[in-house]
PDB file of all heavy atoms in Angstrom:
ATOM      1  N   GLY A   1     122.625 132.098 110.996  1.00  0.00           N
ATOM      2  CA  GLY A   1     121.541 133.016 111.307  1.00  0.00           C
ATOM      3  C   GLY A   1     120.136 132.465 111.220  1.00  0.00           C
ATOM      4  O   GLY A   1     119.170 133.230 111.337  1.00  0.00           O
ATOM      5  N   PHE A   2     119.968 131.164 111.025  1.00  0.00           N
ATOM      6  CA  PHE A   2     118.619 130.597 110.981  1.00  0.00           C
ATOM      7  C   PHE A   2     118.060 130.514 112.400  1.00  0.00           C
ATOM      8  O   PHE A   2     118.777 130.190 113.345  1.00  0.00           O
ATOM      9  CB  PHE A   2     118.633 129.220 110.317  1.00  0.00           C
ATOM     10  CG  PHE A   2     118.762 129.292 108.816  1.00  0.00           C
ATOM     11  CD1 PHE A   2     119.979 129.599 108.227  1.00  0.00           C
ATOM     12  CD2 PHE A   2     117.668 129.072 108.003  1.00  0.00           C
ATOM     13  CE1 PHE A   2     120.107 129.688 106.847  1.00  0.00           C
ATOM     14  CE2 PHE A   2     117.773 129.154 106.618  1.00  0.00           C
ATOM     15  CZ  PHE A   2     118.995 129.464 106.041  1.00  0.00           C
ATOM     16  N   ALA A   3     116.764 130.788 112.543  1.00  0.00           N
ATOM     17  CA  ALA A   3     116.133 130.856 113.864  1.00  0.00           C
ATOM     18  C   ALA A   3     115.626 129.510 114.359  1.00  0.00           C
ATOM     19  O   ALA A   3     115.370 129.347 115.548  1.00  0.00           O
ATOM     20  CB  ALA A   3     114.973 131.845 113.823  1.00  0.00           C
ATOM     21  N   GLY A   4     115.445 128.546 113.477  1.00  0.00           N
ATOM     22  CA  GLY A   4     114.905 127.252 113.868  1.00  0.00           C
ATOM     23  C   GLY A   4     114.820 126.328 112.673  1.00  0.00           C
ATOM     24  O   GLY A   4     115.469 126.544 111.653  1.00  0.00           O
ATOM     25  N   VAL A   5     113.976 125.312 112.812  1.00  0.00           N
ATOM     26  CA  VAL A   5     113.842 124.250 111.811  1.00  0.00           C
ATOM     27  C   VAL A   5     112.395 124.206 111.330  1.00  0.00           C
ATOM     28  O   VAL A   5     111.456 124.377 112.112  1.00  0.00           O
ATOM     29  CB  VAL A   5     114.233 122.882 112.423  1.00  0.00           C
ATOM     30  CG1 VAL A   5     114.065 121.760 111.419  1.00  0.00           C
ATOM     31  CG2 VAL A   5     115.666 122.920 112.949  1.00  0.00           C
ATOM     32  N   LYS A   6     112.212 123.948 110.038  1.00  0.00           N
ATOM     33  CA  LYS A   6     110.862 123.813 109.461  1.00  0.00           C
ATOM     34  C   LYS A   6     110.679 122.395 108.949  1.00  0.00           C
ATOM     35  O   LYS A   6     111.549 121.841 108.270  1.00  0.00           O
ATOM     36  CB  LYS A   6     110.677 124.804 108.303  1.00  0.00           C
ATOM     37  CG  LYS A   6     109.310 124.722 107.624  1.00  0.00           C
ATOM     38  CD  LYS A   6     108.218 125.442 108.397  1.00  0.00           C
ATOM     39  CE  LYS A   6     106.841 125.261 107.796  1.00  0.00           C
ATOM     40  NZ  LYS A   6     106.360 126.330 106.988  1.00  0.00           N
ATOM     41  N   LEU A   7     109.550 121.798 109.297  1.00  0.00           N
ATOM     42  CA  LEU A   7     109.174 120.472 108.821  1.00  0.00           C
ATOM     43  C   LEU A   7     107.920 120.579 107.958  1.00  0.00           C
ATOM     44  O   LEU A   7     107.048 121.411 108.224  1.00  0.00           O
ATOM     45  CB  LEU A   7     108.883 119.527 109.988  1.00  0.00           C
ATOM     46  CG  LEU A   7     110.053 119.158 110.890  1.00  0.00           C
ATOM     47  CD1 LEU A   7     109.571 118.322 112.067  1.00  0.00           C
ATOM     48  CD2 LEU A   7     111.112 118.405 110.109  1.00  0.00           C
ATOM     49  N   TYR A   8     107.834 119.719 106.967  1.00  0.00           N
ATOM     50  CA  TYR A   8     106.667 119.663 106.073  1.00  0.00           C
ATOM     51  C   TYR A   8     106.117 118.243 106.047  1.00  0.00           C
ATOM     52  O   TYR A   8     106.317 117.512 105.071  1.00  0.00           O
ATOM     53  CB  TYR A   8     107.064 120.084 104.651  1.00  0.00           C
ATOM     54  CG  TYR A   8     107.460 121.525 104.528  1.00  0.00           C
ATOM     55  CD1 TYR A   8     108.771 121.921 104.737  1.00  0.00           C
ATOM     56  CD2 TYR A   8     106.513 122.493 104.200  1.00  0.00           C
ATOM     57  CE1 TYR A   8     109.139 123.252 104.627  1.00  0.00           C
ATOM     58  CE2 TYR A   8     106.877 123.823 104.091  1.00  0.00           C
ATOM     59  CZ  TYR A   8     108.193 124.198 104.307  1.00  0.00           C
ATOM     60  OH  TYR A   8     108.549 125.512 104.199  1.00  0.00           O
ATOM     61  N   PRO A   9     105.410 117.804 107.098  1.00  0.00           N
ATOM     62  CA  PRO A   9     104.890 116.444 107.108  1.00  0.00           C
ATOM     63  C   PRO A   9     104.014 116.105 105.901  1.00  0.00           C
ATOM     64  O   PRO A   9     104.000 114.954 105.447  1.00  0.00           O
ATOM     65  CB  PRO A   9     104.081 116.378 108.413  1.00  0.00           C
ATOM     66  CG  PRO A   9     104.725 117.399 109.280  1.00  0.00           C
ATOM     67  CD  PRO A   9     105.131 118.504 108.344  1.00  0.00           C
ATOM     68  N   SER A  10     103.315 117.100 105.355  1.00  0.00           N
ATOM     69  CA  SER A  10     102.449 116.825 104.204  1.00  0.00           C
ATOM     70  C   SER A  10     103.242 116.378 102.976  1.00  0.00           C
ATOM     71  O   SER A  10     102.668 115.878 102.014  1.00  0.00           O
ATOM     72  CB  SER A  10     101.607 118.060 103.875  1.00  0.00           C
ATOM     73  OG  SER A  10     102.433 119.170 103.590  1.00  0.00           O
ATOM     74  N   MET A  11     104.558 116.509 103.027  1.00  0.00           N
ATOM     75  CA  MET A  11     105.400 116.020 101.936  1.00  0.00           C
ATOM     76  C   MET A  11     105.565 114.498 101.990  1.00  0.00           C
ATOM     77  O   MET A  11     106.186 113.911 101.120  1.00  0.00           O
ATOM     78  CB  MET A  11     106.773 116.687 101.956  1.00  0.00           C
ATOM     79  CG  MET A  11     106.719 118.177 101.641  1.00  0.00           C
ATOM     80  SD  MET A  11     106.278 118.508  99.910  1.00  0.00           S
ATOM     81  CE  MET A  11     104.544 118.873 100.024  1.00  0.00           C
ATOM     82  N   GLY A  12     105.005 113.858 103.030  1.00  0.00           N
ATOM     83  CA  GLY A  12     104.951 112.406 103.031  1.00  0.00           C
ATOM     84  C   GLY A  12     105.538 111.695 104.222  1.00  0.00           C
ATOM     85  O   GLY A  12     105.954 110.536 104.115  1.00  0.00           O
ATOM     86  N   PHE A  13     105.555 112.332 105.380  1.00  0.00           N
ATOM     87  CA  PHE A  13     106.002 111.644 106.591  1.00  0.00           C
ATOM     88  C   PHE A  13     105.196 112.164 107.774  1.00  0.00           C
ATOM     89  O   PHE A  13     104.681 113.275 107.754  1.00  0.00           O
ATOM     90  CB  PHE A  13     107.501 111.868 106.843  1.00  0.00           C
ATOM     91  CG  PHE A  13     107.884 113.301 107.066  1.00  0.00           C
ATOM     92  CD1 PHE A  13     107.883 113.850 108.343  1.00  0.00           C
ATOM     93  CD2 PHE A  13     108.230 114.119 105.999  1.00  0.00           C
ATOM     94  CE1 PHE A  13     108.222 115.178 108.552  1.00  0.00           C
ATOM     95  CE2 PHE A  13     108.574 115.458 106.201  1.00  0.00           C
ATOM     96  CZ  PHE A  13     108.568 115.985 107.480  1.00  0.00           C
ATOM     97  N   ARG A  14     105.074 111.348 108.790  1.00  0.00           N
ATOM     98  CA  ARG A  14     104.416 111.756 110.023  1.00  0.00           C
ATOM     99  C   ARG A  14     105.470 112.277 110.999  1.00  0.00           C
ATOM    100  O   ARG A  14     106.644 111.926 110.881  1.00  0.00           O
ATOM    101  CB  ARG A  14     103.704 110.566 110.657  1.00  0.00           C
ATOM    102  CG  ARG A  14     102.580 110.023 109.829  1.00  0.00           C
ATOM    103  CD  ARG A  14     101.947 108.836 110.555  1.00  0.00           C
ATOM    104  NE  ARG A  14     100.988 108.179 109.688  1.00  0.00           N
ATOM    105  CZ  ARG A  14     100.890 106.869 109.540  1.00  0.00           C
ATOM    106  NH1 ARG A  14     101.684 106.058 110.193  1.00  0.00           N
ATOM    107  NH2 ARG A  14      99.989 106.359 108.737  1.00  0.00           N
ATOM    108  N   PRO A  15     105.065 113.046 112.007  1.00  0.00           N
ATOM    109  CA  PRO A  15     106.032 113.487 113.012  1.00  0.00           C
ATOM    110  C   PRO A  15     106.659 112.318 113.770  1.00  0.00           C
ATOM    111  O   PRO A  15     107.737 112.440 114.342  1.00  0.00           O
ATOM    112  CB  PRO A  15     105.209 114.362 113.958  1.00  0.00           C
ATOM    113  CG  PRO A  15     104.026 114.789 113.154  1.00  0.00           C
ATOM    114  CD  PRO A  15     103.758 113.673 112.196  1.00  0.00           C
ATOM    115  N   ASP A  16     106.004 111.163 113.762  1.00  0.00           N
ATOM    116  CA  ASP A  16     106.463 109.958 114.454  1.00  0.00           C
ATOM    117  C   ASP A  16     105.684 108.777 113.891  1.00  0.00           C
ATOM    118  O   ASP A  16     104.677 108.960 113.205  1.00  0.00           O
ATOM    119  CB  ASP A  16     106.202 110.110 115.957  1.00  0.00           C
ATOM    120  CG  ASP A  16     106.818 108.988 116.784  1.00  0.00           C
ATOM    121  OD1 ASP A  16     107.902 108.498 116.423  1.00  0.00           O
ATOM    122  OD2 ASP A  16     106.215 108.612 117.804  1.00  0.00           O
ATOM    123  N   ASP A  17     106.148 107.575 114.165  1.00  0.00           N
ATOM    124  CA  ASP A  17     105.421 106.349 113.798  1.00  0.00           C
ATOM    125  C   ASP A  17     105.226 106.220 112.288  1.00  0.00           C
ATOM    126  O   ASP A  17     104.107 106.119 111.789  1.00  0.00           O
ATOM    127  CB  ASP A  17     104.080 106.305 114.530  1.00  0.00           C
ATOM    128  CG  ASP A  17     103.429 104.938 114.452  1.00  0.00           C
ATOM    129  OD1 ASP A  17     104.156 103.930 114.244  1.00  0.00           O
ATOM    130  OD2 ASP A  17     102.193 104.860 114.571  1.00  0.00           O
ATOM    131  N   ASN A  18     106.332 106.199 111.570  1.00  0.00           N
ATOM    132  CA  ASN A  18     106.306 106.110 110.111  1.00  0.00           C
ATOM    133  C   ASN A  18     106.415 104.688 109.581  1.00  0.00           C
ATOM    134  O   ASN A  18     106.624 104.494 108.388  1.00  0.00           O
ATOM    135  CB  ASN A  18     107.435 106.977 109.529  1.00  0.00           C
ATOM    136  CG  ASN A  18     107.103 108.440 109.632  1.00  0.00           C
ATOM    137  OD1 ASN A  18     106.285 108.952 108.891  1.00  0.00           O
ATOM    138  ND2 ASN A  18     107.728 109.126 110.578  1.00  0.00           N
ATOM    139  N   GLY A  19     106.279 103.701 110.450  1.00  0.00           N
ATOM    140  CA  GLY A  19     106.445 102.311 110.040  1.00  0.00           C
ATOM    141  C   GLY A  19     105.547 101.864 108.904  1.00  0.00           C
ATOM    142  O   GLY A  19     105.957 101.084 108.057  1.00  0.00           O
ATOM    143  N   GLY A  20     104.324 102.346 108.849  1.00  0.00           N
ATOM    144  CA  GLY A  20     103.392 101.850 107.847  1.00  0.00           C
ATOM    145  C   GLY A  20     103.093 102.793 106.705  1.00  0.00           C
ATOM    146  O   GLY A  20     102.176 102.529 105.918  1.00  0.00           O
ATOM    147  N   ILE A  21     103.846 103.875 106.578  1.00  0.00           N
ATOM    148  CA  ILE A  21     103.510 104.826 105.516  1.00  0.00           C
ATOM    149  C   ILE A  21     103.984 104.327 104.159  1.00  0.00           C
ATOM    150  O   ILE A  21     104.925 103.557 104.051  1.00  0.00           O
ATOM    151  CB  ILE A  21     104.079 106.233 105.793  1.00  0.00           C
ATOM    152  CG1 ILE A  21     105.605 106.235 105.724  1.00  0.00           C
ATOM    153  CG2 ILE A  21     103.580 106.789 107.101  1.00  0.00           C
ATOM    154  CD1 ILE A  21     106.206 107.620 105.637  1.00  0.00           C
ATOM    155  N   SER A  22     103.334 104.799 103.134  1.00  0.00           N
ATOM    156  CA  SER A  22     103.721 104.497 101.762  1.00  0.00           C
ATOM    157  C   SER A  22     104.660 105.587 101.268  1.00  0.00           C
ATOM    158  O   SER A  22     104.478 106.762 101.578  1.00  0.00           O
ATOM    159  CB  SER A  22     102.478 104.462 100.867  1.00  0.00           C
ATOM    160  OG  SER A  22     102.850 104.488  99.507  1.00  0.00           O
ATOM    161  N   LEU A  23     105.661 105.191 100.506  1.00  0.00           N
ATOM    162  CA  LEU A  23     106.553 106.164  99.892  1.00  0.00           C
ATOM    163  C   LEU A  23     106.316 106.235  98.385  1.00  0.00           C
ATOM    164  O   LEU A  23     107.201 106.608  97.627  1.00  0.00           O
ATOM    165  CB  LEU A  23     108.012 105.818 100.206  1.00  0.00           C
ATOM    166  CG  LEU A  23     108.375 105.901 101.691  1.00  0.00           C
ATOM    167  CD1 LEU A  23     109.808 105.445 101.921  1.00  0.00           C
ATOM    168  CD2 LEU A  23     108.163 107.300 102.229  1.00  0.00           C
ATOM    169  N   ALA A  24     105.081 105.920  97.971  1.00  0.00           N
ATOM    170  CA  ALA A  24     104.746 105.954  96.549  1.00  0.00           C
ATOM    171  C   ALA A  24     104.899 107.350  95.963  1.00  0.00           C
ATOM    172  O   ALA A  24     105.104 107.501  94.756  1.00  0.00           O
ATOM    173  CB  ALA A  24     103.313 105.456  96.340  1.00  0.00           C
ATOM    174  N   HIS A  25     104.827 108.372  96.794  1.00  0.00           N
ATOM    175  CA  HIS A  25     104.941 109.758  96.334  1.00  0.00           C
ATOM    176  C   HIS A  25     106.400 110.175  96.127  1.00  0.00           C
ATOM    177  O   HIS A  25     106.670 111.211  95.531  1.00  0.00           O
ATOM    178  CB  HIS A  25     104.310 110.688  97.366  1.00  0.00           C
ATOM    179  CG  HIS A  25     105.007 110.606  98.688  1.00  0.00           C
ATOM    180  ND1 HIS A  25     104.753 109.587  99.578  1.00  0.00           N
ATOM    181  CD2 HIS A  25     105.973 111.365  99.231  1.00  0.00           C
ATOM    182  CE1 HIS A  25     105.534 109.748 100.629  1.00  0.00           C
ATOM    183  NE2 HIS A  25     106.285 110.817 100.450  1.00  0.00           N
ATOM    184  N   ALA A  26     107.337 109.395  96.632  1.00  0.00           N
ATOM    185  CA  ALA A  26     108.758 109.780  96.601  1.00  0.00           C
ATOM    186  C   ALA A  26     109.321 109.660  95.181  1.00  0.00           C
ATOM    187  O   ALA A  26     108.702 109.061  94.286  1.00  0.00           O
ATOM    188  CB  ALA A  26     109.558 108.900  97.547  1.00  0.00           C
ATOM    189  N   ASN A  27     110.522 110.210  95.001  1.00  0.00           N
ATOM    190  CA  ASN A  27     111.130 110.128  93.674  1.00  0.00           C
ATOM    191  C   ASN A  27     111.493 108.677  93.336  1.00  0.00           C
ATOM    192  O   ASN A  27     111.515 107.802  94.203  1.00  0.00           O
ATOM    193  CB  ASN A  27     112.329 111.077  93.542  1.00  0.00           C
ATOM    194  CG  ASN A  27     113.505 110.679  94.411  1.00  0.00           C
ATOM    195  OD1 ASN A  27     113.796 109.502  94.609  1.00  0.00           O
ATOM    196  ND2 ASN A  27     114.196 111.669  94.939  1.00  0.00           N
ATOM    197  N   GLN A  28     111.792 108.449  92.072  1.00  0.00           N
ATOM    198  CA  GLN A  28     112.018 107.084  91.583  1.00  0.00           C
ATOM    199  C   GLN A  28     113.177 106.401  92.297  1.00  0.00           C
ATOM    200  O   GLN A  28     113.116 105.211  92.612  1.00  0.00           O
ATOM    201  CB  GLN A  28     112.268 107.118  90.069  1.00  0.00           C
ATOM    202  CG  GLN A  28     112.300 105.742  89.442  1.00  0.00           C
ATOM    203  CD  GLN A  28     112.409 105.829  87.932  1.00  0.00           C
ATOM    204  OE1 GLN A  28     112.775 106.841  87.374  1.00  0.00           O
ATOM    205  NE2 GLN A  28     112.089 104.741  87.266  1.00  0.00           N
ATOM    206  N   ARG A  29     114.241 107.136  92.582  1.00  0.00           N
ATOM    207  CA  ARG A  29     115.401 106.553  93.268  1.00  0.00           C
ATOM    208  C   ARG A  29     115.007 106.004  94.640  1.00  0.00           C
ATOM    209  O   ARG A  29     115.393 104.902  95.024  1.00  0.00           O
ATOM    210  CB  ARG A  29     116.492 107.613  93.420  1.00  0.00           C
ATOM    211  CG  ARG A  29     117.765 107.083  94.023  1.00  0.00           C
ATOM    212  CD  ARG A  29     118.784 108.193  94.180  1.00  0.00           C
ATOM    213  NE  ARG A  29     118.964 108.391  95.607  1.00  0.00           N
ATOM    214  CZ  ARG A  29     119.380 109.485  96.179  1.00  0.00           C
ATOM    215  NH1 ARG A  29     119.649 110.548  95.474  1.00  0.00           N
ATOM    216  NH2 ARG A  29     119.536 109.548  97.467  1.00  0.00           N
ATOM    217  N   VAL A  30     114.193 106.744  95.368  1.00  0.00           N
ATOM    218  CA  VAL A  30     113.753 106.305  96.696  1.00  0.00           C
ATOM    219  C   VAL A  30     112.771 105.153  96.580  1.00  0.00           C
ATOM    220  O   VAL A  30     112.829 104.203  97.358  1.00  0.00           O
ATOM    221  CB  VAL A  30     113.149 107.483  97.488  1.00  0.00           C
ATOM    222  CG1 VAL A  30     112.500 107.018  98.769  1.00  0.00           C
ATOM    223  CG2 VAL A  30     114.226 108.523  97.770  1.00  0.00           C
ATOM    224  N   ARG A  31     111.879 105.202  95.606  1.00  0.00           N
ATOM    225  CA  ARG A  31     110.897 104.124  95.443  1.00  0.00           C
ATOM    226  C   ARG A  31     111.575 102.794  95.129  1.00  0.00           C
ATOM    227  O   ARG A  31     111.101 101.741  95.537  1.00  0.00           O
ATOM    228  CB  ARG A  31     109.882 104.478  94.362  1.00  0.00           C
ATOM    229  CG  ARG A  31     108.866 105.503  94.804  1.00  0.00           C
ATOM    230  CD  ARG A  31     107.669 105.569  93.865  1.00  0.00           C
ATOM    231  NE  ARG A  31     108.008 105.644  92.476  1.00  0.00           N
ATOM    232  CZ  ARG A  31     108.140 106.765  91.763  1.00  0.00           C
ATOM    233  NH1 ARG A  31     107.969 107.933  92.357  1.00  0.00           N
ATOM    234  NH2 ARG A  31     108.432 106.732  90.486  1.00  0.00           N
ATOM    235  N   ARG A  32     112.697 102.833  94.412  1.00  0.00           N
ATOM    236  CA  ARG A  32     113.402 101.585  94.094  1.00  0.00           C
ATOM    237  C   ARG A  32     114.036 100.962  95.331  1.00  0.00           C
ATOM    238  O   ARG A  32     114.129  99.747  95.434  1.00  0.00           O
ATOM    239  CB  ARG A  32     114.499 101.853  93.050  1.00  0.00           C
ATOM    240  CG  ARG A  32     113.994 101.897  91.630  1.00  0.00           C
ATOM    241  CD  ARG A  32     115.131 101.760  90.622  1.00  0.00           C
ATOM    242  NE  ARG A  32     116.172 102.759  90.795  1.00  0.00           N
ATOM    243  CZ  ARG A  32     116.267 103.906  90.125  1.00  0.00           C
ATOM    244  NH1 ARG A  32     115.354 104.202  89.227  1.00  0.00           N
ATOM    245  NH2 ARG A  32     117.239 104.742  90.341  1.00  0.00           N
ATOM    246  N   ASN A  33     114.485 101.774  96.257  1.00  0.00           N
ATOM    247  CA  ASN A  33     115.157 101.276  97.453  1.00  0.00           C
ATOM    248  C   ASN A  33     114.722 102.102  98.661  1.00  0.00           C
ATOM    249  O   ASN A  33     115.517 102.856  99.232  1.00  0.00           O
ATOM    250  CB  ASN A  33     116.678 101.352  97.265  1.00  0.00           C
ATOM    251  CG  ASN A  33     117.418 100.628  98.355  1.00  0.00           C
ATOM    252  OD1 ASN A  33     116.861  99.762  99.018  1.00  0.00           O
ATOM    253  ND2 ASN A  33     118.665 100.997  98.569  1.00  0.00           N
ATOM    254  N   PRO A  34     113.453 101.977  99.076  1.00  0.00           N
ATOM    255  CA  PRO A  34     112.945 102.844 100.142  1.00  0.00           C
ATOM    256  C   PRO A  34     113.553 102.494 101.499  1.00  0.00           C
ATOM    257  O   PRO A  34     113.742 101.323 101.812  1.00  0.00           O
ATOM    258  CB  PRO A  34     111.444 102.573 100.140  1.00  0.00           C
ATOM    259  CG  PRO A  34     111.306 101.211  99.559  1.00  0.00           C
ATOM    260  CD  PRO A  34     112.446 101.039  98.595  1.00  0.00           C
ATOM    261  N   PRO A  35     113.861 103.512 102.288  1.00  0.00           N
ATOM    262  CA  PRO A  35     114.325 103.234 103.644  1.00  0.00           C
ATOM    263  C   PRO A  35     113.141 102.767 104.488  1.00  0.00           C
ATOM    264  O   PRO A  35     112.002 103.149 104.222  1.00  0.00           O
ATOM    265  CB  PRO A  35     114.847 104.582 104.125  1.00  0.00           C
ATOM    266  CG  PRO A  35     114.058 105.578 103.360  1.00  0.00           C
ATOM    267  CD  PRO A  35     113.797 104.944 102.016  1.00  0.00           C
ATOM    268  N   PRO A  36     113.375 101.959 105.496  1.00  0.00           N
ATOM    269  CA  PRO A  36     112.261 101.562 106.366  1.00  0.00           C
ATOM    270  C   PRO A  36     111.732 102.769 107.135  1.00  0.00           C
ATOM    271  O   PRO A  36     112.466 103.726 107.399  1.00  0.00           O
ATOM    272  CB  PRO A  36     112.894 100.522 107.303  1.00  0.00           C
ATOM    273  CG  PRO A  36     114.357 100.770 107.238  1.00  0.00           C
ATOM    274  CD  PRO A  36     114.639 101.381 105.895  1.00  0.00           C
ATOM    275  N   GLY A  37     110.456 102.702 107.496  1.00  0.00           N
ATOM    276  CA  GLY A  37     109.840 103.802 108.238  1.00  0.00           C
ATOM    277  C   GLY A  37     110.575 104.127 109.514  1.00  0.00           C
ATOM    278  O   GLY A  37     110.646 105.276 109.930  1.00  0.00           O
ATOM    279  N   ARG A  38     111.162 103.099 110.145  1.00  0.00           N
ATOM    280  CA  ARG A  38     111.880 103.376 111.394  1.00  0.00           C
ATOM    281  C   ARG A  38     113.097 104.265 111.155  1.00  0.00           C
ATOM    282  O   ARG A  38     113.523 104.989 112.045  1.00  0.00           O
ATOM    283  CB  ARG A  38     112.241 102.085 112.114  1.00  0.00           C
ATOM    284  CG  ARG A  38     113.358 101.290 111.514  1.00  0.00           C
ATOM    285  CD  ARG A  38     113.668 100.044 112.363  1.00  0.00           C
ATOM    286  NE  ARG A  38     114.764  99.308 111.792  1.00  0.00           N
ATOM    287  CZ  ARG A  38     114.691  98.506 110.736  1.00  0.00           C
ATOM    288  NH1 ARG A  38     113.524  98.342 110.130  1.00  0.00           N
ATOM    289  NH2 ARG A  38     115.748  97.885 110.272  1.00  0.00           N
ATOM    290  N   ALA A  39     113.658 104.241 109.934  1.00  0.00           N
ATOM    291  CA  ALA A  39     114.791 105.123 109.625  1.00  0.00           C
ATOM    292  C   ALA A  39     114.331 106.584 109.616  1.00  0.00           C
ATOM    293  O   ALA A  39     115.077 107.477 110.056  1.00  0.00           O
ATOM    294  CB  ALA A  39     115.417 104.749 108.287  1.00  0.00           C
ATOM    295  N   LEU A  40     113.113 106.842 109.147  1.00  0.00           N
ATOM    296  CA  LEU A  40     112.562 108.198 109.208  1.00  0.00           C
ATOM    297  C   LEU A  40     112.353 108.609 110.666  1.00  0.00           C
ATOM    298  O   LEU A  40     112.688 109.728 111.051  1.00  0.00           O
ATOM    299  CB  LEU A  40     111.240 108.291 108.447  1.00  0.00           C
ATOM    300  CG  LEU A  40     111.324 108.517 106.949  1.00  0.00           C
ATOM    301  CD1 LEU A  40     111.802 107.296 106.220  1.00  0.00           C
ATOM    302  CD2 LEU A  40     109.990 108.959 106.418  1.00  0.00           C
ATOM    303  N   ASP A  41     111.817 107.676 111.468  1.00  0.00           N
ATOM    304  CA  ASP A  41     111.598 107.971 112.884  1.00  0.00           C
ATOM    305  C   ASP A  41     112.923 108.252 113.601  1.00  0.00           C
ATOM    306  O   ASP A  41     112.995 109.139 114.451  1.00  0.00           O
ATOM    307  CB  ASP A  41     110.871 106.814 113.570  1.00  0.00           C
ATOM    308  CG  ASP A  41     109.435 106.668 113.101  1.00  0.00           C
ATOM    309  OD1 ASP A  41     108.869 107.648 112.566  1.00  0.00           O
ATOM    310  OD2 ASP A  41     108.875 105.566 113.266  1.00  0.00           O
ATOM    311  N   GLN A  42     113.970 107.501 113.259  1.00  0.00           N
ATOM    312  CA  GLN A  42     115.282 107.732 113.879  1.00  0.00           C
ATOM    313  C   GLN A  42     115.842 109.092 113.478  1.00  0.00           C
ATOM    314  O   GLN A  42     116.417 109.808 114.306  1.00  0.00           O
ATOM    315  CB  GLN A  42     116.246 106.608 113.500  1.00  0.00           C
ATOM    316  CG  GLN A  42     115.897 105.287 114.145  1.00  0.00           C
ATOM    317  CD  GLN A  42     116.647 104.104 113.535  1.00  0.00           C
ATOM    318  OE1 GLN A  42     117.244 104.206 112.472  1.00  0.00           O
ATOM    319  NE2 GLN A  42     116.599 102.975 114.231  1.00  0.00           N
TER     320      GLN A  42
END
């Protein structure tokens, strides 16, 4: 019954072109082994 999808870019990602973003805001598990920005874009 959900009508659509909600995104929150202010949580630390751009709608596209995430190659150069910092993941310093992410939780410790992600900071230890961050995915490349292209994985977010994919």
